[in-house]
Amino acid sequence: MANNYQGPMKIVILFIFLFSPSVFADDCSFEHLRNDFITESAEIDAKQSFETKGVSFIAVANGLGPARPGFEHIQMTACIILKTRWDVLWVGADSGNCSAQIELEKQAIAYSRIFNEEMLELAKHSKNYNCANDLQNLLY
């Protein structure tokens, strides 16, 4: 008889997890960091980051799933997603309750697009990046 309740109980737990205010991604840390992410320096920042850390990309937490600006023309592979460092700019994600939400999101997306596009160019020619072949084969 206990087995009859396992399915519905899993649904209830999932529902609570998905819609509880305590689990919403309402991190607005980009609000305080925005002066470190100037769009005009994104290309230089990408080159410096590549030299010091190797290949890393920036995602923007602005919805249910993170945006990956600059990757619209690339078919994502498991290697690119799972074996590459991704930094996240938090602009409120699905809660959208940061002050100046729209401006923060525009700035984060603009910065990360330029950063990611420059990093993609550096990454596809890198001898140390495990996914370089994926990028060379997928850029179109």
N, C-alpha and C. Protein backbone atom coordinates (compact mmCIF):
# COMPACT_ATOMS: atom_id res chain seq x y z
N MET A 1 0.82 -1.19 0.00
CA MET A 1 0.00 0.00 0.00
C MET A 1 0.87 1.25 0.00
N ALA A 2 2.03 1.20 0.61
CA ALA A 2 2.91 2.37 0.65
C ALA A 2 3.40 2.73 -0.74
N ASN A 3 3.54 1.75 -1.60
CA ASN A 3 4.00 2.00 -2.97
C ASN A 3 3.02 2.84 -3.78
N ASN A 4 1.74 2.82 -3.43
CA ASN A 4 0.74 3.58 -4.16
C ASN A 4 0.93 5.09 -4.00
N TYR A 5 1.62 5.53 -2.95
CA TYR A 5 1.77 6.95 -2.67
C TYR A 5 3.12 7.51 -3.12
N GLN A 6 4.04 6.67 -3.57
CA GLN A 6 5.37 7.15 -3.94
C GLN A 6 5.32 8.08 -5.15
N GLY A 7 4.58 7.73 -6.15
CA GLY A 7 4.49 8.56 -7.36
C GLY A 7 3.92 9.94 -7.08
N PRO A 8 2.72 10.01 -6.46
CA PRO A 8 2.16 11.33 -6.15
C PRO A 8 3.02 12.13 -5.18
N MET A 9 3.69 11.45 -4.24
CA MET A 9 4.53 12.16 -3.28
C MET A 9 5.73 12.80 -3.99
N LYS A 10 6.29 12.11 -4.96
CA LYS A 10 7.41 12.66 -5.74
C LYS A 10 6.96 13.92 -6.49
N ILE A 11 5.77 13.90 -7.01
CA ILE A 11 5.23 15.06 -7.73
C ILE A 11 5.05 16.23 -6.79
N VAL A 12 4.52 15.99 -5.59
CA VAL A 12 4.32 17.04 -4.60
C VAL A 12 5.66 17.64 -4.18
N ILE A 13 6.65 16.79 -3.94
CA ILE A 13 7.98 17.28 -3.55
C ILE A 13 8.59 18.11 -4.68
N LEU A 14 8.47 17.63 -5.90
CA LEU A 14 8.99 18.38 -7.05
C LEU A 14 8.28 19.72 -7.19
N PHE A 15 6.96 19.73 -7.00
CA PHE A 15 6.18 20.97 -7.08
C PHE A 15 6.65 21.97 -6.02
N ILE A 16 6.84 21.49 -4.80
CA ILE A 16 7.31 22.37 -3.72
C ILE A 16 8.69 22.92 -4.06
N PHE A 17 9.56 22.06 -4.54
CA PHE A 17 10.92 22.48 -4.89
C PHE A 17 10.91 23.52 -6.00
N LEU A 18 10.09 23.31 -7.03
CA LEU A 18 10.08 24.22 -8.17
C LEU A 18 9.46 25.57 -7.86
N PHE A 19 8.48 25.61 -6.98
CA PHE A 19 7.76 26.86 -6.78
C PHE A 19 7.96 27.50 -5.41
N SER A 20 8.87 26.97 -4.64
CA SER A 20 9.17 27.57 -3.35
C SER A 20 10.03 28.82 -3.54
N PRO A 21 9.70 29.94 -2.89
CA PRO A 21 10.49 31.16 -3.03
C PRO A 21 11.93 30.98 -2.58
N SER A 22 12.18 30.03 -1.70
CA SER A 22 13.54 29.85 -1.21
C SER A 22 14.46 29.20 -2.23
N VAL A 23 13.91 28.60 -3.28
CA VAL A 23 14.76 27.96 -4.28
C VAL A 23 14.81 28.75 -5.59
N PHE A 24 14.08 29.82 -5.71
CA PHE A 24 14.18 30.64 -6.91
C PHE A 24 15.56 31.25 -7.00
N ALA A 25 16.06 31.38 -8.20
CA ALA A 25 17.39 31.94 -8.42
C ALA A 25 17.30 33.46 -8.44
N ASP A 26 17.16 34.04 -7.27
CA ASP A 26 16.99 35.49 -7.20
C ASP A 26 18.29 36.20 -6.84
N ASP A 27 19.41 35.60 -7.19
CA ASP A 27 20.72 36.18 -6.94
C ASP A 27 20.89 37.41 -7.84
N CYS A 28 21.12 38.54 -7.24
CA CYS A 28 21.31 39.79 -7.99
C CYS A 28 22.74 40.30 -7.84
N SER A 29 23.70 39.40 -7.71
CA SER A 29 25.08 39.81 -7.45
C SER A 29 25.65 40.66 -8.57
N PHE A 30 25.13 40.54 -9.78
CA PHE A 30 25.64 41.36 -10.88
C PHE A 30 25.39 42.85 -10.63
N GLU A 31 24.36 43.13 -9.85
CA GLU A 31 24.04 44.51 -9.48
C GLU A 31 25.26 45.20 -8.85
N HIS A 32 25.95 44.47 -8.00
CA HIS A 32 27.10 45.04 -7.27
C HIS A 32 28.40 44.91 -8.05
N LEU A 33 28.42 44.05 -9.05
CA LEU A 33 29.64 43.81 -9.82
C LEU A 33 29.64 44.48 -11.19
N ARG A 34 28.56 45.15 -11.53
CA ARG A 34 28.38 45.64 -12.90
C ARG A 34 29.52 46.55 -13.36
N ASN A 35 30.17 47.27 -12.47
CA ASN A 35 31.27 48.16 -12.87
C ASN A 35 32.52 47.38 -13.27
N ASP A 36 32.57 46.09 -12.94
CA ASP A 36 33.69 45.24 -13.36
C ASP A 36 33.47 44.65 -14.75
N PHE A 37 32.30 44.85 -15.32
CA PHE A 37 31.96 44.24 -16.60
C PHE A 37 31.56 45.32 -17.61
N ILE A 38 32.54 46.08 -18.03
CA ILE A 38 32.34 47.17 -19.00
C ILE A 38 32.42 46.59 -20.41
N THR A 39 31.39 46.79 -21.17
CA THR A 39 31.29 46.20 -22.51
C THR A 39 32.50 46.54 -23.37
N GLU A 40 32.99 47.77 -23.28
CA GLU A 40 34.11 48.20 -24.11
C GLU A 40 35.41 47.45 -23.78
N SER A 41 35.50 46.84 -22.60
CA SER A 41 36.72 46.09 -22.25
C SER A 41 36.55 44.58 -22.36
N ALA A 42 35.41 44.11 -22.82
CA ALA A 42 35.12 42.67 -22.83
C ALA A 42 36.11 41.89 -23.69
N GLU A 43 36.49 42.42 -24.83
CA GLU A 43 37.41 41.71 -25.71
C GLU A 43 38.80 41.59 -25.06
N ILE A 44 39.27 42.66 -24.48
CA ILE A 44 40.56 42.65 -23.78
C ILE A 44 40.48 41.73 -22.57
N ASP A 45 39.37 41.78 -21.85
CA ASP A 45 39.17 40.91 -20.68
C ASP A 45 39.24 39.43 -21.09
N ALA A 46 38.65 39.11 -22.25
CA ALA A 46 38.67 37.72 -22.73
C ALA A 46 40.11 37.28 -23.03
N LYS A 47 40.87 38.14 -23.67
CA LYS A 47 42.27 37.80 -23.98
C LYS A 47 43.08 37.59 -22.70
N GLN A 48 42.88 38.48 -21.72
CA GLN A 48 43.60 38.35 -20.45
C GLN A 48 43.18 37.10 -19.70
N SER A 49 41.89 36.81 -19.72
CA SER A 49 41.37 35.62 -19.06
C SER A 49 41.94 34.36 -19.71
N PHE A 50 42.00 34.36 -21.03
CA PHE A 50 42.54 33.22 -21.77
C PHE A 50 44.00 32.98 -21.39
N GLU A 51 44.75 34.06 -21.27
CA GLU A 51 46.18 33.96 -20.92
C GLU A 51 46.38 33.45 -19.50
N THR A 52 45.52 33.84 -18.58
CA THR A 52 45.72 33.46 -17.18
C THR A 52 45.00 32.17 -16.79
N LYS A 53 43.75 31.96 -17.28
CA LYS A 53 42.95 30.81 -16.84
C LYS A 53 42.73 29.77 -17.93
N GLY A 54 43.03 30.11 -19.16
CA GLY A 54 42.68 29.23 -20.26
C GLY A 54 41.27 29.55 -20.74
N VAL A 55 40.65 28.60 -21.38
CA VAL A 55 39.32 28.81 -21.97
C VAL A 55 38.24 28.81 -20.88
N SER A 56 37.44 29.86 -20.89
CA SER A 56 36.26 29.94 -20.04
C SER A 56 35.25 30.83 -20.74
N PHE A 57 34.00 30.55 -20.54
CA PHE A 57 32.93 31.33 -21.15
C PHE A 57 32.05 31.92 -20.07
N ILE A 58 31.18 32.83 -20.47
CA ILE A 58 30.27 33.48 -19.53
C ILE A 58 28.83 33.20 -19.92
N ALA A 59 28.07 32.72 -18.96
CA ALA A 59 26.62 32.54 -19.12
C ALA A 59 25.94 33.64 -18.31
N VAL A 60 24.70 33.95 -18.67
CA VAL A 60 23.94 34.98 -17.96
C VAL A 60 22.68 34.32 -17.39
N ALA A 61 22.57 34.34 -16.08
CA ALA A 61 21.39 33.77 -15.41
C ALA A 61 20.28 34.82 -15.46
N ASN A 62 19.45 34.71 -16.48
CA ASN A 62 18.39 35.69 -16.70
C ASN A 62 17.03 35.04 -16.97
N GLY A 63 16.93 33.76 -16.77
CA GLY A 63 15.68 33.05 -17.02
C GLY A 63 15.74 31.68 -16.39
N LEU A 64 14.87 30.78 -16.82
CA LEU A 64 14.86 29.43 -16.25
C LEU A 64 16.14 28.69 -16.55
N GLY A 65 16.70 28.92 -17.73
CA GLY A 65 18.00 28.36 -18.09
C GLY A 65 18.92 29.52 -18.40
N PRO A 66 20.21 29.35 -18.21
CA PRO A 66 21.11 30.47 -18.47
C PRO A 66 21.23 30.78 -19.96
N ALA A 67 21.34 32.06 -20.28
CA ALA A 67 21.61 32.47 -21.66
C ALA A 67 23.10 32.30 -21.90
N ARG A 68 23.46 31.96 -23.11
CA ARG A 68 24.86 31.83 -23.49
C ARG A 68 25.10 32.72 -24.71
N PRO A 69 25.18 34.02 -24.48
CA PRO A 69 25.37 34.95 -25.60
C PRO A 69 26.64 34.65 -26.39
N GLY A 70 26.52 34.77 -27.71
CA GLY A 70 27.64 34.49 -28.58
C GLY A 70 27.64 33.06 -29.09
N PHE A 71 26.77 32.22 -28.57
CA PHE A 71 26.72 30.82 -28.96
C PHE A 71 25.50 30.50 -29.84
N GLU A 72 24.82 31.52 -30.31
CA GLU A 72 23.62 31.28 -31.12
C GLU A 72 23.94 30.55 -32.42
N HIS A 73 25.13 30.75 -32.96
CA HIS A 73 25.51 30.14 -34.23
C HIS A 73 26.33 28.87 -34.07
N ILE A 74 26.36 28.35 -32.84
CA ILE A 74 27.15 27.17 -32.55
C ILE A 74 26.26 26.08 -31.97
N GLN A 75 26.41 24.89 -32.51
CA GLN A 75 25.69 23.75 -31.95
C GLN A 75 26.48 23.31 -30.71
N MET A 76 25.84 23.37 -29.58
CA MET A 76 26.49 23.03 -28.32
C MET A 76 26.74 21.52 -28.25
N THR A 77 27.91 21.16 -27.75
CA THR A 77 28.24 19.75 -27.55
C THR A 77 28.42 19.51 -26.05
N ALA A 78 28.43 18.25 -25.67
CA ALA A 78 28.64 17.91 -24.26
C ALA A 78 29.99 18.43 -23.79
N CYS A 79 30.99 18.35 -24.65
CA CYS A 79 32.32 18.83 -24.27
C CYS A 79 32.28 20.33 -23.96
N ILE A 80 31.65 21.11 -24.81
CA ILE A 80 31.59 22.56 -24.60
C ILE A 80 30.83 22.89 -23.32
N ILE A 81 29.74 22.20 -23.08
CA ILE A 81 28.92 22.50 -21.91
C ILE A 81 29.53 21.93 -20.63
N LEU A 82 29.98 20.70 -20.66
CA LEU A 82 30.38 20.02 -19.43
C LEU A 82 31.88 20.08 -19.13
N LYS A 83 32.71 20.23 -20.14
CA LYS A 83 34.15 20.18 -19.91
C LYS A 83 34.83 21.53 -20.07
N THR A 84 34.03 22.57 -20.00
CA THR A 84 34.55 23.92 -20.13
C THR A 84 34.11 24.71 -18.90
N ARG A 85 34.96 25.59 -18.45
CA ARG A 85 34.60 26.44 -17.31
C ARG A 85 33.59 27.49 -17.78
N TRP A 86 32.50 27.62 -17.04
CA TRP A 86 31.48 28.63 -17.30
C TRP A 86 31.33 29.50 -16.06
N ASP A 87 31.56 30.79 -16.22
CA ASP A 87 31.27 31.74 -15.16
C ASP A 87 29.86 32.25 -15.39
N VAL A 88 29.17 32.61 -14.33
CA VAL A 88 27.77 33.04 -14.46
C VAL A 88 27.62 34.46 -13.91
N LEU A 89 26.99 35.30 -14.71
CA LEU A 89 26.60 36.64 -14.27
C LEU A 89 25.14 36.54 -13.84
N TRP A 90 24.90 36.77 -12.55
CA TRP A 90 23.55 36.61 -11.99
C TRP A 90 22.80 37.94 -12.07
N VAL A 91 21.76 37.95 -12.89
CA VAL A 91 20.93 39.15 -13.03
C VAL A 91 19.49 38.88 -12.59
N GLY A 92 19.34 37.97 -11.64
CA GLY A 92 18.01 37.71 -11.07
C GLY A 92 17.35 36.46 -11.58
N ALA A 93 17.85 35.90 -12.65
CA ALA A 93 17.31 34.66 -13.24
C ALA A 93 15.80 34.72 -13.36
N ASP A 94 15.11 33.68 -12.89
CA ASP A 94 13.67 33.58 -13.12
C ASP A 94 12.83 34.47 -12.22
N SER A 95 13.42 35.06 -11.21
CA SER A 95 12.60 35.88 -10.31
C SER A 95 12.48 37.32 -10.81
N GLY A 96 13.49 37.81 -11.47
CA GLY A 96 13.44 39.15 -12.04
C GLY A 96 13.17 40.25 -11.04
N ASN A 97 13.68 40.12 -9.81
CA ASN A 97 13.37 41.13 -8.81
C ASN A 97 14.55 42.03 -8.47
N CYS A 98 15.57 42.05 -9.30
CA CYS A 98 16.70 42.95 -9.06
C CYS A 98 16.29 44.36 -9.47
N SER A 99 16.82 45.35 -8.77
CA SER A 99 16.53 46.71 -9.21
C SER A 99 17.23 46.93 -10.54
N ALA A 100 16.64 47.67 -11.41
CA ALA A 100 17.18 47.93 -12.75
C ALA A 100 17.40 46.62 -13.52
N GLN A 101 16.48 45.69 -13.39
CA GLN A 101 16.59 44.36 -14.00
C GLN A 101 16.89 44.42 -15.50
N ILE A 102 16.16 45.20 -16.23
CA ILE A 102 16.33 45.23 -17.69
C ILE A 102 17.70 45.76 -18.07
N GLU A 103 18.15 46.83 -17.41
CA GLU A 103 19.46 47.41 -17.72
C GLU A 103 20.58 46.43 -17.34
N LEU A 104 20.44 45.77 -16.20
CA LEU A 104 21.44 44.79 -15.77
C LEU A 104 21.53 43.66 -16.79
N GLU A 105 20.39 43.17 -17.22
CA GLU A 105 20.37 42.06 -18.17
C GLU A 105 21.00 42.48 -19.51
N LYS A 106 20.66 43.66 -19.99
CA LYS A 106 21.24 44.14 -21.25
C LYS A 106 22.75 44.25 -21.15
N GLN A 107 23.24 44.81 -20.05
CA GLN A 107 24.68 44.96 -19.86
C GLN A 107 25.38 43.60 -19.77
N ALA A 108 24.81 42.68 -18.99
CA ALA A 108 25.42 41.36 -18.83
C ALA A 108 25.45 40.61 -20.15
N ILE A 109 24.39 40.69 -20.92
CA ILE A 109 24.34 39.99 -22.21
C ILE A 109 25.31 40.62 -23.20
N ALA A 110 25.35 41.94 -23.26
CA ALA A 110 26.27 42.62 -24.19
C ALA A 110 27.71 42.29 -23.86
N TYR A 111 28.06 42.36 -22.58
CA TYR A 111 29.43 42.06 -22.16
C TYR A 111 29.79 40.61 -22.48
N SER A 112 28.93 39.69 -22.07
CA SER A 112 29.25 38.27 -22.26
C SER A 112 29.28 37.89 -23.74
N ARG A 113 28.48 38.53 -24.57
CA ARG A 113 28.50 38.24 -26.01
C ARG A 113 29.88 38.57 -26.59
N ILE A 114 30.38 39.76 -26.30
CA ILE A 114 31.68 40.17 -26.82
C ILE A 114 32.78 39.29 -26.24
N PHE A 115 32.73 39.04 -24.93
CA PHE A 115 33.70 38.19 -24.25
C PHE A 115 33.71 36.80 -24.87
N ASN A 116 32.53 36.19 -25.00
CA ASN A 116 32.42 34.82 -25.52
C ASN A 116 32.86 34.72 -26.97
N GLU A 117 32.51 35.70 -27.79
CA GLU A 117 32.91 35.64 -29.19
C GLU A 117 34.43 35.71 -29.33
N GLU A 118 35.08 36.55 -28.54
CA GLU A 118 36.54 36.61 -28.55
C GLU A 118 37.13 35.30 -28.02
N MET A 119 36.57 34.79 -26.94
CA MET A 119 37.07 33.55 -26.35
C MET A 119 36.89 32.38 -27.32
N LEU A 120 35.80 32.36 -28.07
CA LEU A 120 35.59 31.30 -29.06
C LEU A 120 36.71 31.31 -30.10
N GLU A 121 37.08 32.48 -30.56
CA GLU A 121 38.18 32.58 -31.53
C GLU A 121 39.48 32.05 -30.93
N LEU A 122 39.76 32.42 -29.71
CA LEU A 122 40.98 31.96 -29.04
C LEU A 122 40.91 30.45 -28.78
N ALA A 123 39.75 29.97 -28.36
CA ALA A 123 39.59 28.56 -28.00
C ALA A 123 39.71 27.63 -29.20
N LYS A 124 39.17 28.03 -30.33
CA LYS A 124 39.18 27.11 -31.47
C LYS A 124 40.59 26.88 -32.03
N HIS A 125 41.53 27.75 -31.67
CA HIS A 125 42.91 27.57 -32.12
C HIS A 125 43.84 27.12 -30.99
N SER A 126 43.28 26.91 -29.82
CA SER A 126 44.07 26.53 -28.65
C SER A 126 44.49 25.06 -28.73
N LYS A 127 45.74 24.82 -28.44
CA LYS A 127 46.25 23.44 -28.39
C LYS A 127 45.95 22.79 -27.04
N ASN A 128 45.61 23.59 -26.04
CA ASN A 128 45.35 23.07 -24.70
C ASN A 128 43.87 22.87 -24.38
N TYR A 129 43.00 23.29 -25.26
CA TYR A 129 41.56 23.20 -25.00
C TYR A 129 41.01 21.91 -25.59
N ASN A 130 40.45 21.06 -24.74
CA ASN A 130 39.96 19.75 -25.15
C ASN A 130 38.85 19.80 -26.20
N CYS A 131 38.11 20.89 -26.27
CA CYS A 131 36.96 20.96 -27.16
C CYS A 131 37.25 21.79 -28.42
N ALA A 132 38.51 22.09 -28.69
CA ALA A 132 38.86 22.92 -29.85
C ALA A 132 38.34 22.32 -31.15
N ASN A 133 38.44 21.00 -31.29
CA ASN A 133 37.94 20.36 -32.52
C ASN A 133 36.44 20.53 -32.66
N ASP A 134 35.71 20.48 -31.55
CA ASP A 134 34.26 20.69 -31.59
C ASP A 134 33.96 22.06 -32.17
N LEU A 135 34.71 23.06 -31.74
CA LEU A 135 34.47 24.43 -32.21
C LEU A 135 34.83 24.57 -33.68
N GLN A 136 35.92 23.99 -34.09
CA GLN A 136 36.33 24.09 -35.49
C GLN A 136 35.31 23.42 -36.40
N ASN A 137 34.73 22.34 -35.95
CA ASN A 137 33.75 21.61 -36.75
C ASN A 137 32.36 22.24 -36.71
N LEU A 138 32.07 23.03 -35.67
CA LEU A 138 30.70 23.51 -35.49
C LEU A 138 30.50 24.97 -35.89
N LEU A 139 31.56 25.72 -36.03
CA LEU A 139 31.38 27.12 -36.41
C LEU A 139 30.93 27.18 -37.87
N TYR A 140 29.85 27.90 -38.08
CA TYR A 140 29.36 28.07 -39.46
C TYR A 140 28.82 29.43 -39.65
